[in-house]
N, C-alpha and C. Protein backbone atom coordinates (compact mmCIF):
# COMPACT_ATOMS: atom_id res chain seq x y z
N ASP A 1 194.80 223.37 94.16
CA ASP A 1 194.51 223.34 92.74
C ASP A 1 192.99 223.48 92.56
N LYS A 2 192.60 224.33 91.65
CA LYS A 2 191.18 224.58 91.42
C LYS A 2 190.46 223.31 90.96
N GLY A 3 189.33 223.05 91.56
CA GLY A 3 188.54 221.90 91.18
C GLY A 3 188.97 220.59 91.82
N ARG A 4 189.90 220.65 92.77
CA ARG A 4 190.37 219.43 93.45
C ARG A 4 189.98 219.49 94.92
N LEU A 5 189.52 218.36 95.42
CA LEU A 5 189.17 218.27 96.84
C LEU A 5 190.43 218.37 97.69
N ASP A 6 190.32 219.08 98.78
CA ASP A 6 191.38 219.12 99.79
C ASP A 6 190.99 218.09 100.84
N LEU A 7 191.60 216.91 100.76
CA LEU A 7 191.20 215.81 101.64
C LEU A 7 191.39 216.11 103.12
N SER A 8 192.28 217.03 103.45
CA SER A 8 192.48 217.37 104.86
C SER A 8 191.22 217.98 105.47
N LYS A 9 190.36 218.54 104.65
CA LYS A 9 189.11 219.14 105.14
C LYS A 9 188.07 218.09 105.50
N TYR A 10 188.33 216.84 105.12
CA TYR A 10 187.37 215.77 105.34
C TYR A 10 187.85 214.75 106.38
N ASN A 11 188.93 215.04 107.07
CA ASN A 11 189.48 214.10 108.05
C ASN A 11 188.47 213.69 109.12
N ASP A 12 187.60 214.60 109.50
CA ASP A 12 186.62 214.27 110.55
C ASP A 12 185.62 213.22 110.10
N LEU A 13 185.49 212.99 108.81
CA LEU A 13 184.57 211.96 108.31
C LEU A 13 185.10 210.54 108.51
N LYS A 14 186.39 210.40 108.69
CA LYS A 14 186.98 209.06 108.83
C LYS A 14 186.34 208.27 109.97
N ASP A 15 186.01 208.94 111.05
CA ASP A 15 185.41 208.26 112.20
C ASP A 15 183.98 207.79 111.92
N GLU A 16 183.35 208.34 110.89
CA GLU A 16 181.97 207.99 110.57
C GLU A 16 181.86 206.75 109.69
N PHE A 17 183.00 206.27 109.18
CA PHE A 17 183.00 205.13 108.27
C PHE A 17 183.74 203.96 108.91
N PRO A 18 183.11 202.80 108.95
CA PRO A 18 183.77 201.65 109.56
C PRO A 18 184.96 201.18 108.73
N ASP A 19 185.88 200.54 109.40
CA ASP A 19 187.03 199.93 108.72
C ASP A 19 186.49 198.78 107.88
N ASP A 20 186.49 198.96 106.57
CA ASP A 20 185.96 197.95 105.66
C ASP A 20 187.02 197.55 104.63
N LEU A 21 188.26 197.49 105.07
CA LEU A 21 189.36 197.24 104.14
C LEU A 21 189.46 195.79 103.68
N ALA A 22 188.82 194.86 104.40
CA ALA A 22 188.85 193.45 103.97
C ALA A 22 187.97 193.27 102.74
N GLU A 23 188.53 192.61 101.72
CA GLU A 23 187.80 192.43 100.46
C GLU A 23 186.51 191.63 100.64
N THR A 24 186.45 190.78 101.62
CA THR A 24 185.27 189.94 101.81
C THR A 24 184.06 190.71 102.32
N GLU A 25 184.25 191.96 102.69
CA GLU A 25 183.17 192.76 103.26
C GLU A 25 182.40 193.56 102.23
N HIS A 26 182.63 193.32 100.94
CA HIS A 26 182.01 194.14 99.91
C HIS A 26 181.04 193.34 99.06
N ALA A 27 179.98 194.02 98.61
CA ALA A 27 178.96 193.37 97.77
C ALA A 27 179.58 192.85 96.48
N ASP A 28 180.56 193.57 95.94
CA ASP A 28 181.26 193.17 94.72
C ASP A 28 182.73 193.50 94.94
N SER A 29 183.58 192.50 95.03
CA SER A 29 184.99 192.74 95.34
C SER A 29 185.71 193.53 94.25
N SER A 30 185.15 193.61 93.05
CA SER A 30 185.77 194.43 92.00
C SER A 30 185.35 195.89 92.10
N LYS A 31 184.39 196.18 93.00
CA LYS A 31 183.91 197.54 93.21
C LYS A 31 183.78 197.82 94.70
N PRO A 32 184.87 197.70 95.45
CA PRO A 32 184.77 197.89 96.90
C PRO A 32 184.33 199.31 97.26
N GLY A 33 183.49 199.38 98.26
CA GLY A 33 182.97 200.66 98.72
C GLY A 33 181.60 200.98 98.17
N ILE A 34 181.17 200.23 97.16
CA ILE A 34 179.83 200.43 96.60
C ILE A 34 178.88 199.47 97.31
N ARG A 35 177.78 200.00 97.80
CA ARG A 35 176.81 199.18 98.52
C ARG A 35 176.00 198.31 97.57
N GLN A 36 175.46 197.25 98.10
CA GLN A 36 174.66 196.31 97.31
C GLN A 36 173.56 197.03 96.52
N ASP A 37 172.84 197.93 97.16
CA ASP A 37 171.73 198.61 96.48
C ASP A 37 172.19 199.60 95.42
N GLU A 38 173.48 199.90 95.36
CA GLU A 38 174.01 200.81 94.35
C GLU A 38 174.57 200.08 93.13
N LEU A 39 174.87 198.80 93.29
CA LEU A 39 175.46 198.04 92.18
C LEU A 39 174.55 198.10 90.96
N GLY A 40 175.12 198.41 89.82
CA GLY A 40 174.36 198.51 88.58
C GLY A 40 173.60 199.81 88.41
N ARG A 41 173.56 200.64 89.45
CA ARG A 41 172.83 201.91 89.37
C ARG A 41 173.77 203.11 89.44
N VAL A 42 174.88 202.96 90.13
CA VAL A 42 175.79 204.09 90.31
C VAL A 42 176.65 204.26 89.04
N CYS A 43 176.82 205.50 88.64
CA CYS A 43 177.61 205.80 87.45
C CYS A 43 179.10 205.80 87.81
N LEU A 44 179.86 204.99 87.09
CA LEU A 44 181.31 204.91 87.33
C LEU A 44 182.11 205.54 86.19
N GLU A 45 181.45 206.32 85.35
CA GLU A 45 182.14 207.00 84.26
C GLU A 45 183.20 207.93 84.84
N ASN A 46 184.38 207.90 84.26
CA ASN A 46 185.53 208.71 84.69
C ASN A 46 185.99 208.36 86.11
N MET A 47 185.77 207.11 86.49
CA MET A 47 186.25 206.59 87.77
C MET A 47 186.74 205.16 87.56
N ARG A 48 187.67 204.75 88.40
CA ARG A 48 188.05 203.34 88.41
C ARG A 48 188.69 203.01 89.74
N MET A 49 188.64 201.73 90.07
CA MET A 49 189.27 201.22 91.28
C MET A 49 190.69 200.83 90.91
N TRP A 50 191.62 200.99 91.85
CA TRP A 50 192.98 200.50 91.64
C TRP A 50 193.45 199.77 92.87
N SER A 51 194.32 198.81 92.64
CA SER A 51 194.94 198.05 93.72
C SER A 51 196.26 197.51 93.21
N ASP A 52 197.33 197.92 93.86
CA ASP A 52 198.65 197.43 93.47
C ASP A 52 199.54 197.39 94.71
N ALA A 53 200.82 197.15 94.51
CA ALA A 53 201.75 197.02 95.64
C ALA A 53 201.88 198.30 96.45
N ARG A 54 201.56 199.44 95.85
CA ARG A 54 201.70 200.73 96.55
C ARG A 54 200.46 201.17 97.31
N GLY A 55 199.33 200.52 97.01
CA GLY A 55 198.11 200.92 97.70
C GLY A 55 196.88 200.51 96.92
N ALA A 56 195.74 201.04 97.34
CA ALA A 56 194.47 200.71 96.70
C ALA A 56 193.46 201.81 97.00
N GLY A 57 192.51 201.95 96.12
CA GLY A 57 191.47 202.95 96.31
C GLY A 57 190.73 203.20 95.01
N TRP A 58 190.20 204.40 94.90
CA TRP A 58 189.45 204.83 93.72
C TRP A 58 190.13 206.05 93.10
N ILE A 59 190.06 206.14 91.77
CA ILE A 59 190.63 207.25 91.02
C ILE A 59 189.50 207.96 90.29
N ALA A 60 189.47 209.29 90.40
CA ALA A 60 188.53 210.12 89.64
C ALA A 60 189.33 210.84 88.55
N TYR A 61 188.79 210.82 87.34
CA TYR A 61 189.44 211.47 86.21
C TYR A 61 188.64 212.68 85.75
N ARG A 62 189.36 213.73 85.36
CA ARG A 62 188.71 214.88 84.74
C ARG A 62 188.21 214.42 83.37
N PRO A 63 186.94 214.66 83.06
CA PRO A 63 186.41 214.16 81.78
C PRO A 63 187.03 214.88 80.58
N LYS A 64 187.10 214.15 79.51
CA LYS A 64 187.59 214.70 78.25
C LYS A 64 186.48 215.57 77.65
N ASP A 65 186.83 216.80 77.27
CA ASP A 65 185.87 217.69 76.60
C ASP A 65 186.65 218.69 75.76
N LYS A 66 185.96 219.69 75.22
CA LYS A 66 186.62 220.67 74.34
C LYS A 66 187.70 221.45 75.08
N LYS A 67 187.46 221.76 76.36
CA LYS A 67 188.45 222.50 77.15
C LYS A 67 189.61 221.60 77.57
N ASN A 68 189.33 220.32 77.69
CA ASN A 68 190.32 219.36 78.16
C ASN A 68 190.31 218.15 77.22
N PRO A 69 190.95 218.27 76.04
CA PRO A 69 190.90 217.16 75.07
C PRO A 69 191.60 215.90 75.53
N ARG A 70 192.53 216.04 76.47
CA ARG A 70 193.22 214.86 77.03
C ARG A 70 192.92 214.80 78.52
N PRO A 71 192.17 213.80 78.95
CA PRO A 71 191.83 213.73 80.38
C PRO A 71 193.03 213.28 81.21
N ASP A 72 193.98 214.20 81.37
CA ASP A 72 195.24 213.87 82.05
C ASP A 72 195.23 214.23 83.53
N SER A 73 194.14 214.78 84.00
CA SER A 73 194.06 215.18 85.40
C SER A 73 193.26 214.14 86.17
N SER A 74 193.81 213.73 87.29
CA SER A 74 193.12 212.73 88.11
C SER A 74 193.40 213.00 89.59
N LYS A 75 192.59 212.41 90.42
CA LYS A 75 192.78 212.48 91.86
C LYS A 75 192.60 211.08 92.40
N TRP A 76 193.60 210.61 93.14
CA TRP A 76 193.60 209.25 93.69
C TRP A 76 193.16 209.31 95.15
N MET A 77 192.16 208.49 95.49
CA MET A 77 191.63 208.41 96.85
C MET A 77 192.02 207.07 97.44
N SER A 78 192.96 207.08 98.36
CA SER A 78 193.47 205.84 98.94
C SER A 78 192.54 205.33 100.04
N ALA A 79 192.09 204.09 99.87
CA ALA A 79 191.24 203.47 100.89
C ALA A 79 192.02 203.31 102.19
N TYR A 80 193.30 203.05 102.10
CA TYR A 80 194.11 202.85 103.30
C TYR A 80 194.32 204.17 104.03
N ARG A 81 194.59 205.23 103.29
CA ARG A 81 194.80 206.53 103.92
C ARG A 81 193.50 207.07 104.53
N LEU A 82 192.40 206.82 103.83
CA LEU A 82 191.11 207.29 104.33
C LEU A 82 190.50 206.33 105.35
N GLY A 83 191.02 205.10 105.39
CA GLY A 83 190.56 204.13 106.39
C GLY A 83 189.33 203.35 105.99
N SER A 84 188.83 203.57 104.77
CA SER A 84 187.58 202.93 104.37
C SER A 84 187.45 202.95 102.85
N TRP A 85 187.05 201.82 102.28
CA TRP A 85 186.74 201.78 100.86
C TRP A 85 185.54 202.64 100.55
N ARG A 86 184.56 202.64 101.45
CA ARG A 86 183.34 203.43 101.22
C ARG A 86 183.68 204.90 101.14
N LEU A 87 184.47 205.39 102.06
CA LEU A 87 184.83 206.81 102.05
C LEU A 87 185.67 207.13 100.81
N ALA A 88 186.59 206.25 100.43
CA ALA A 88 187.40 206.47 99.23
C ALA A 88 186.51 206.55 97.99
N PHE A 89 185.52 205.66 97.91
CA PHE A 89 184.59 205.70 96.78
C PHE A 89 183.80 207.00 96.76
N LEU A 90 183.24 207.38 97.91
CA LEU A 90 182.43 208.61 97.96
C LEU A 90 183.25 209.85 97.63
N MET A 91 184.47 209.90 98.10
CA MET A 91 185.33 211.06 97.81
C MET A 91 185.70 211.10 96.32
N ALA A 92 185.98 209.95 95.73
CA ALA A 92 186.28 209.90 94.29
C ALA A 92 185.06 210.29 93.48
N HIS A 93 183.90 209.85 93.90
CA HIS A 93 182.65 210.19 93.21
C HIS A 93 182.42 211.70 93.26
N LEU A 94 182.62 212.30 94.42
CA LEU A 94 182.49 213.74 94.58
C LEU A 94 183.52 214.47 93.73
N GLN A 95 184.77 213.99 93.74
CA GLN A 95 185.82 214.62 92.94
C GLN A 95 185.48 214.55 91.46
N ARG A 96 184.99 213.40 91.02
CA ARG A 96 184.61 213.24 89.61
C ARG A 96 183.55 214.26 89.23
N ASP A 97 182.55 214.45 90.12
CA ASP A 97 181.49 215.43 89.86
C ASP A 97 182.04 216.84 89.83
N LEU A 98 182.99 217.16 90.69
CA LEU A 98 183.63 218.48 90.67
C LEU A 98 184.41 218.70 89.38
N PHE A 99 185.13 217.69 88.95
CA PHE A 99 185.85 217.78 87.68
C PHE A 99 184.89 218.06 86.53
N ALA A 100 183.73 217.41 86.54
CA ALA A 100 182.76 217.56 85.46
C ALA A 100 182.13 218.95 85.46
N GLY A 101 182.16 219.61 86.64
CA GLY A 101 181.69 220.98 86.75
C GLY A 101 180.22 221.07 86.62
């Protein structure tokens, strides 16, 4: 799909990110994957964290604009599938920027 990351192309990055799936390992447990020095500075517009019985990670949303009046397109980055909250956050951040064009 145009404008969507193909996560299979980033599999080699998994080894570069430590297993940080424990909630106690994060500067802010409501924003896992964001480093201490990024808190309050990183833009989370059109992004959110999710955690439920099916999984957890970050979601990037296509922004609402004239071409897309309903932001119904999203990409979910699973921290468990990617092996790291940090990698899930970075991939969602990149996806959000791609959506914004």
